[in-house]
Protein backbone atom coordinates (compact mmCIF):
# COMPACT_ATOMS: atom_id res chain seq x y z
CA MET A 1 6.96 -13.35 28.19
CA ARG A 2 7.38 -15.41 25.05
CA LEU A 3 6.28 -13.65 21.99
CA ARG A 4 5.59 -14.94 18.49
CA ILE A 5 5.78 -12.04 15.95
CA GLY A 6 4.62 -12.39 12.38
CA VAL A 7 6.47 -10.25 9.83
CA ASP A 8 5.43 -9.48 6.37
CA GLY A 9 8.57 -10.35 4.55
CA ARG A 10 7.35 -9.82 1.15
CA VAL A 11 9.30 -6.53 0.93
CA LEU A 12 12.42 -8.71 0.92
CA ASP A 13 12.39 -8.01 -2.73
CA ASP A 14 14.65 -5.81 -4.91
CA ARG A 15 11.89 -3.45 -5.78
CA TYR A 16 11.63 -2.26 -2.18
CA HIS A 17 14.91 -0.58 -1.68
CA GLY A 18 14.85 1.23 1.75
CA ILE A 19 11.74 -0.69 3.07
CA GLY A 20 13.48 -4.10 2.48
CA ARG A 21 16.69 -2.98 4.08
CA VAL A 22 14.91 -1.69 7.17
CA MET A 23 12.83 -4.96 7.47
CA TYR A 24 15.95 -7.18 7.04
CA ALA A 25 17.93 -5.27 9.54
CA LEU A 26 14.98 -5.31 12.10
CA CYS A 27 14.51 -9.05 11.72
CA GLY A 28 18.15 -9.65 12.32
CA GLU A 29 18.16 -7.76 15.71
CA LEU A 30 14.82 -9.30 16.74
CA ALA A 31 16.08 -12.67 16.08
CA ARG A 32 18.82 -12.17 18.65
CA VAL A 33 16.22 -11.56 21.55
CA ASP A 34 15.42 -14.45 23.89
CA GLY A 35 11.88 -15.35 24.04
CA VAL A 36 11.05 -13.99 20.57
CA GLU A 37 10.00 -16.18 17.72
CA LEU A 38 9.85 -14.77 14.23
CA VAL A 39 7.48 -16.07 11.46
CA VAL A 40 8.65 -14.30 8.30
CA PHE A 41 5.91 -14.43 5.53
CA THR A 42 7.98 -14.36 2.39
CA GLY A 43 6.93 -13.70 -1.22
CA ARG A 44 7.78 -15.71 -4.23
CA THR A 45 10.45 -13.40 -5.54
CA ARG A 46 13.95 -14.18 -4.61
CA SER A 47 15.98 -11.05 -3.48
CA GLU A 48 19.44 -10.70 -4.80
CA ARG A 49 20.17 -7.99 -2.12
CA PHE A 50 19.41 -9.81 1.09
CA ASP A 51 20.67 -13.07 2.50
CA ILE A 52 17.43 -14.87 3.22
CA ASP A 53 19.10 -18.19 3.93
CA ARG A 54 21.23 -16.30 6.69
CA LEU A 55 17.97 -15.02 8.32
CA ALA A 56 16.32 -18.48 8.08
CA GLY A 57 19.40 -20.07 9.63
CA ARG A 58 18.61 -18.40 13.10
CA PRO A 59 16.94 -20.96 15.47
CA ASN A 60 14.10 -18.71 16.32
CA VAL A 61 13.21 -17.65 12.64
CA THR A 62 10.75 -19.54 10.53
CA LEU A 63 10.09 -18.66 6.75
CA HIS A 64 6.65 -19.34 5.47
CA PRO A 65 5.92 -18.49 1.86
CA VAL A 66 2.71 -16.90 0.80
CA SER A 67 1.42 -16.21 -2.63
CA LEU A 68 -0.19 -12.70 -1.68
CA PRO A 69 0.98 -9.82 -3.92
CA PRO A 70 2.70 -7.09 -1.97
CA VAL A 71 0.13 -4.53 -2.80
CA ASP A 72 -3.34 -5.84 -3.67
CA VAL A 73 -6.75 -4.93 -2.14
CA ARG A 74 -7.62 -8.63 -2.08
CA GLN A 75 -5.01 -9.19 0.61
CA LEU A 76 -7.20 -7.14 3.05
CA TRP A 77 -9.32 -10.33 3.41
CA GLN A 78 -6.66 -13.06 2.64
CA TRP A 79 -4.39 -12.37 5.47
CA ARG A 80 -6.87 -13.84 8.01
CA GLY A 81 -6.79 -17.21 6.42
CA VAL A 82 -3.02 -17.21 6.24
CA LEU A 83 -2.72 -16.36 10.09
CA ARG A 84 -5.29 -19.12 11.04
CA ARG A 85 -2.98 -21.52 9.32
CA ARG A 86 0.19 -20.18 10.98
CA PRO A 87 -1.00 -18.22 13.98
CA VAL A 88 1.09 -15.63 15.66
CA ASP A 89 0.66 -13.33 18.71
CA VAL A 90 1.23 -9.95 16.81
CA MET A 91 1.65 -9.06 13.18
CA PHE A 92 4.21 -6.49 11.88
CA PHE A 93 3.79 -5.02 8.40
CA PRO A 94 7.00 -3.12 7.42
CA TYR A 95 5.07 -1.58 4.54
CA HIS A 96 1.62 -0.35 5.43
CA LEU A 97 0.23 -0.87 1.94
CA GLY A 98 0.60 -4.60 2.47
CA ALA A 99 -1.20 -4.45 5.87
CA THR A 100 -4.74 -5.37 6.73
CA PRO A 101 -7.23 -4.38 9.36
CA PHE A 102 -8.73 -7.95 9.33
CA ALA A 103 -5.57 -9.86 10.42
CA GLY A 104 -7.50 -11.19 13.47
CA VAL A 105 -4.45 -10.47 15.72
CA PRO A 106 -3.07 -7.24 16.95
CA SER A 107 -1.16 -5.52 14.10
CA LEU A 108 1.46 -2.72 13.55
CA ALA A 109 2.08 -1.14 10.31
CA MET A 110 5.08 1.16 9.28
CA VAL A 111 3.97 4.17 7.38
CA HIS A 112 7.41 5.50 6.24
CA ASP A 113 6.51 8.70 4.79
CA CYS A 114 3.81 11.06 3.23
CA ILE A 115 5.59 11.56 -0.05
CA PHE A 116 2.70 10.96 -2.35
CA GLU A 117 0.55 13.38 -0.28
CA ALA A 118 3.11 16.04 -0.44
CA ASP A 119 2.79 16.86 -4.08
CA PRO A 120 0.69 15.26 -6.90
CA ARG A 121 3.80 15.03 -9.02
CA PHE A 122 5.43 12.69 -6.63
CA ALA A 123 2.62 10.15 -7.11
CA PRO A 124 2.52 7.99 -10.43
CA SER A 125 -0.97 9.06 -11.21
CA ARG A 126 -4.12 10.61 -9.71
CA ALA A 127 -5.63 7.19 -9.19
CA VAL A 128 -2.68 5.82 -7.39
CA ARG A 129 -2.49 8.85 -5.12
CA LEU A 130 -6.17 8.60 -4.28
CA SER A 131 -6.06 4.84 -3.49
CA TYR A 132 -2.78 5.36 -1.48
CA ARG A 133 -4.51 7.93 0.66
CA LEU A 134 -7.68 5.86 1.18
CA LEU A 135 -5.76 2.81 2.05
CA THR A 136 -3.30 4.84 4.43
CA ALA A 137 -6.27 6.36 6.15
CA LEU A 138 -7.83 2.80 6.60
CA ILE A 139 -4.64 1.29 8.04
CA THR A 140 -3.76 4.20 10.39
CA ARG A 141 -7.20 3.88 11.96
CA THR A 142 -7.15 0.11 12.33
CA THR A 143 -3.59 -0.93 13.37
CA THR A 144 -0.98 0.62 15.42
CA ALA A 145 0.88 3.07 13.20
CA LEU A 146 4.56 3.44 13.27
CA THR A 147 6.92 5.54 11.44
CA VAL A 148 10.63 6.41 11.11
CA SER A 149 11.03 9.98 12.02
CA ARG A 150 9.32 12.89 13.91
CA ALA A 151 8.75 14.72 10.55
CA SER A 152 6.99 11.86 9.23
CA ALA A 153 4.83 11.41 12.36
CA ASP A 154 3.94 15.17 12.08
CA GLN A 155 2.82 14.66 8.60
CA ILE A 156 0.70 11.57 9.57
CA ALA A 157 -0.83 13.64 12.43
CA GLU A 158 -1.70 16.57 10.10
CA ARG A 159 -2.95 14.54 7.07
CA TYR A 160 -4.62 11.51 8.86
CA ARG A 161 -5.26 12.75 12.44
CA ARG A 162 -3.55 9.74 13.82
CA THR A 163 -0.57 9.33 16.22
CA ALA A 164 2.28 7.21 14.85
CA HIS A 165 4.95 5.84 17.08
CA VAL A 166 8.38 6.91 15.96
CA ILE A 167 11.14 4.21 15.44
CA PRO A 168 14.12 5.86 13.91
CA ASN A 169 16.05 3.69 11.49
CA GLY A 170 19.45 2.44 12.40
CA VAL A 171 22.55 2.24 10.08
CA ASP A 172 24.57 -0.66 9.26
CA LEU A 173 28.43 -0.61 9.47
CA LEU A 174 29.10 -0.75 5.81
CA PRO A 175 31.52 -3.46 4.55
CA PRO A 176 35.18 -2.10 4.60
CA PRO A 177 36.15 -0.27 1.53
CA GLY A 178 37.61 -2.43 -0.99
CA ARG A 179 37.23 -2.35 -4.83
CA GLY A 180 34.93 0.52 -5.75
CA LEU A 181 33.93 2.46 -8.84
CA ALA A 182 37.53 2.84 -9.98
CA THR A 183 37.73 -0.98 -10.49
CA GLU A 184 34.35 -1.45 -12.09
CA TYR A 185 33.80 1.76 -14.11
CA GLY A 186 37.16 3.67 -14.13
CA ILE A 187 35.74 6.34 -11.83
CA GLU A 188 38.46 7.59 -9.46
CA PRO A 189 37.84 8.72 -5.95
CA GLY A 190 36.76 12.31 -5.29
CA TYR A 191 33.48 12.41 -6.89
CA VAL A 192 30.06 13.96 -5.69
CA LEU A 193 27.69 11.16 -4.81
CA HIS A 194 23.87 10.83 -4.75
CA VAL A 195 22.09 7.54 -3.72
CA GLY A 196 18.40 7.26 -4.28
CA ALA A 197 15.86 5.96 -6.76
CA GLN A 198 15.29 8.24 -9.72
CA ARG A 199 11.92 9.66 -8.66
CA PRO A 200 10.78 13.36 -8.67
CA HIS A 201 10.95 13.93 -5.03
CA LYS A 202 14.59 12.92 -4.96
CA ASN A 203 15.25 16.22 -6.85
CA ALA A 204 18.46 14.77 -8.53
CA ALA A 205 18.18 16.88 -11.53
CA VAL A 206 19.23 19.97 -9.46
CA LEU A 207 22.71 18.21 -8.87
CA VAL A 208 23.17 17.95 -12.63
CA GLU A 209 22.60 21.73 -12.85
CA ALA A 210 24.90 22.32 -10.06
CA ILE A 211 27.81 20.07 -11.43
CA ALA A 212 27.65 22.08 -14.64
CA LYS A 213 28.64 25.08 -12.75
CA VAL A 214 31.62 23.47 -10.84
CA PRO A 215 34.50 22.87 -13.40
CA ASP A 216 36.14 19.40 -13.36
CA ALA A 217 33.62 18.08 -10.61
CA ARG A 218 32.25 14.61 -11.28
CA LEU A 219 28.70 13.40 -10.23
CA VAL A 220 27.77 9.80 -9.66
CA LEU A 221 23.96 8.98 -9.43
CA ILE A 222 23.08 5.51 -7.95
CA GLY A 223 19.62 4.47 -8.13
CA SER A 224 17.22 2.78 -10.32
CA PRO A 225 14.83 4.53 -12.59
CA ASP A 226 11.10 4.23 -11.98
CA PRO A 227 9.10 3.77 -15.25
CA ARG A 228 6.17 5.38 -13.77
CA PHE A 229 7.87 8.76 -13.77
CA PRO A 230 9.34 10.83 -16.53
CA ASP A 231 13.18 10.91 -16.51
CA GLU A 232 14.20 14.34 -15.42
CA VAL A 233 18.07 13.66 -15.07
CA GLY A 234 18.74 12.42 -18.60
CA PRO A 235 17.35 15.54 -20.35
CA ALA A 236 19.29 17.75 -17.90
CA ILE A 237 22.45 15.93 -18.68
CA ASP A 238 21.90 16.52 -22.41
CA ARG A 239 20.72 19.93 -22.05
CA LEU A 240 23.83 21.09 -20.09
CA GLY A 241 26.38 19.02 -21.94
CA VAL A 242 27.80 17.24 -18.88
CA ALA A 243 27.52 13.60 -20.05
CA ASP A 244 31.27 13.17 -19.56
CA ARG A 245 31.13 14.21 -16.04
CA VAL A 246 27.93 12.44 -14.84
CA LEU A 247 27.67 8.66 -14.36
CA ARG A 248 24.32 7.03 -13.85
CA LEU A 249 24.19 3.53 -12.15
CA PRO A 250 20.76 1.84 -11.58
CA PHE A 251 22.37 -0.74 -9.06
CA VAL A 252 25.50 -1.31 -7.02
CA ALA A 253 26.01 -4.55 -5.26
CA GLU A 254 25.79 -4.47 -1.48
CA GLU A 255 29.44 -5.44 -0.97
CA LEU A 256 30.48 -2.45 -3.10
CA LEU A 257 28.48 0.30 -1.30
CA GLY A 258 30.81 0.78 1.52
CA ALA A 259 33.65 1.58 -0.91
CA VAL A 260 31.35 3.83 -3.09
CA TYR A 261 30.52 6.00 -0.12
CA ALA A 262 34.00 6.03 1.18
CA ASP A 263 35.59 7.17 -2.10
CA ALA A 264 33.12 10.11 -2.54
CA ALA A 265 34.32 13.49 -1.76
CA LEU A 266 30.82 14.18 -0.46
CA LEU A 267 27.30 13.05 -0.55
CA ALA A 268 24.75 15.44 -2.09
CA TYR A 269 21.11 14.76 -0.96
CA PRO A 270 18.78 17.34 -2.30
CA SER A 271 15.41 15.54 -1.55
CA LEU A 272 12.31 17.67 -1.33
CA VAL A 273 10.70 15.25 0.98
CA GLU A 274 11.72 11.93 2.67
CA GLY A 275 10.49 9.51 5.30
CA PHE A 276 13.90 9.42 6.85
CA GLY A 277 16.93 9.71 4.47
CA LEU A 278 19.12 6.63 5.20
CA PRO A 279 21.83 7.48 2.76
CA VAL A 280 22.74 10.52 4.98
CA LEU A 281 23.63 8.25 7.76
CA GLU A 282 25.27 5.50 5.59
CA ALA A 283 27.57 8.29 4.19
CA MET A 284 28.50 9.55 7.54
CA THR A 285 29.25 6.07 8.82
CA ALA A 286 31.68 5.69 5.98
CA GLY A 287 33.42 8.90 6.90
CA THR A 288 31.93 10.92 3.98
CA PRO A 289 30.72 14.55 4.59
CA VAL A 290 27.03 15.29 3.64
CA VAL A 291 25.30 18.16 1.97
CA ALA A 292 21.55 17.74 2.34
CA GLY A 293 18.45 19.45 1.27
CA ASP A 294 17.05 22.00 3.89
CA VAL A 295 13.92 20.17 4.82
CA PRO A 296 12.74 19.19 8.29
CA VAL A 297 13.40 15.44 8.09
CA LEU A 298 16.79 15.72 6.80
CA ARG A 299 17.67 18.19 9.51
CA GLU A 300 16.29 15.76 12.02
CA VAL A 301 18.41 12.93 10.77
CA GLY A 302 21.57 14.86 9.99
CA GLY A 303 21.64 17.06 12.97
CA GLU A 304 24.63 19.45 13.26
CA ALA A 305 26.74 16.91 11.23
CA ALA A 306 25.66 18.15 7.79
CA ILE A 307 25.44 21.23 5.63
CA TYR A 308 22.01 22.18 4.54
CA VAL A 309 21.12 23.91 1.20
CA PRO A 310 17.69 25.18 -0.25
CA PRO A 311 16.82 22.01 -2.25
CA ARG A 312 15.67 23.68 -5.43
CA ASP A 313 18.47 26.20 -5.62
CA SER A 314 21.10 24.93 -8.05
CA THR A 315 23.38 27.96 -7.59
CA ALA A 316 23.33 27.32 -3.77
CA TRP A 317 24.24 23.59 -4.40
CA SER A 318 27.12 24.47 -6.87
CA GLU A 319 28.52 26.86 -4.26
CA ALA A 320 28.31 24.35 -1.35
CA ILE A 321 29.86 21.59 -3.59
CA ALA A 322 32.74 23.79 -4.87
CA GLU A 323 33.52 25.09 -1.33
CA LEU A 324 33.82 21.63 0.00
CA LEU A 325 35.73 20.24 -2.78
CA ALA A 326 38.30 23.05 -2.44
CA ASP A 327 38.67 22.62 1.51
CA PRO A 328 39.97 19.18 2.54
CA ALA A 329 40.22 20.31 6.13
CA ARG A 330 36.57 21.34 6.23
CA ARG A 331 35.48 17.94 4.69
CA GLU A 332 37.56 16.12 7.30
CA SER A 333 35.97 17.95 10.13
CA LEU A 334 32.53 17.48 8.75
CA ALA A 335 33.29 13.75 8.29
CA ALA A 336 34.41 13.33 11.78
CA ARG A 337 31.17 15.01 13.25
CA GLY A 338 29.15 12.87 10.90
CA THR A 339 30.74 9.57 12.06
CA ALA A 340 30.12 10.50 15.75
CA HIS A 341 26.54 11.43 14.99
CA ALA A 342 25.60 8.31 12.99
CA ALA A 343 26.86 6.15 15.75
CA ARG A 344 23.71 7.22 17.73
CA PHE A 345 21.43 5.36 15.26
CA THR A 346 21.55 1.63 15.79
CA TRP A 347 19.25 -1.15 14.60
CA ALA A 348 19.45 -2.68 18.11
CA ALA A 349 17.78 0.38 19.43
CA ALA A 350 15.16 0.31 16.62
CA ALA A 351 14.36 -3.32 17.33
CA GLU A 352 13.95 -2.70 21.02
CA ARG A 353 11.45 0.07 20.32
CA LEU A 354 9.55 -2.16 17.79
CA LEU A 355 9.54 -4.99 20.39
CA GLU A 356 8.16 -2.68 23.08
CA ALA A 357 5.33 -1.67 20.64
CA CYS A 358 4.54 -5.27 19.75
CA VAL A 359 4.27 -6.10 23.49
CA GLN A 360 2.06 -3.00 24.14
CA ALA A 361 -0.13 -4.07 21.14
CA VAL A 362 -0.63 -7.64 22.52
CA ARG A 363 -1.40 -6.43 26.07
CA ARG A 364 -4.06 -3.88 24.69
């Protein structure tokens, strides 16, 4: 069966951190499948993180620029015209807010999480939260809904009364360690690392509170600030007087990321809610032990290969961090379990599940 899959590639944009990475990895795997042709509808913004030319160089991949903004109610009607001019058998939207019920072809949309629904503070505003929920309800009722974890599927079922097909993320083999933060910023290996955009649900301020209680420990926070939310980390750093032990980096180049993970003593990931939590697997792939928030999705992703801590308890975090920093043998054992565990999550398996879902949607 030959299948022409349209992909909304507008998320190949530096604003869409995890979603863009997921989409790029899935397209790379689908492009290797005989009988599959990908039509990737790209936006006008050129990404610095993803090698679009490399993707376009695949013989069964075609890029088709579109002028539709990634999130805009007008696109609900505009996609039909786009797909008339560039027809496909099935349409895959990696970000459900970019999807439409009026595509005119079978469509699948990835609902990565229910973060905005979990707590009003996690949404930029009440109006955004309301419009998000209305659009999510519309898309889950009119397309084939996909998601990245069983925990997210349970939330979608509870909040929208719809079943979402689970396609777990894979994890890339990161570039081999080379120059890291020591070269770029003078930060020697052995730091506590957090990776994630600076938003309230990431709960990064609890790590600042924890580090203040662990003498000589250093914390590196990698992730861009979101101007829609108040900064919770900066005031915590100032209040606790740990500016000399906390480094905030809004961006790290992809080619440095493997070294950044590998040079860390541990990854601390205290999220209150996630769709998946890809940094957990990225750290494990790099041989770095993980301490994660004790929430269902992170237990699902990390399995028995991570240590779990109540996400809001800064004392519990400081104790877990101090114990691991003082116990190299335990860090080594945890890292070995993590490496074996992360190897179970591949983008090839994720792409195979996505392809199956596309075929089923066409047949229906």
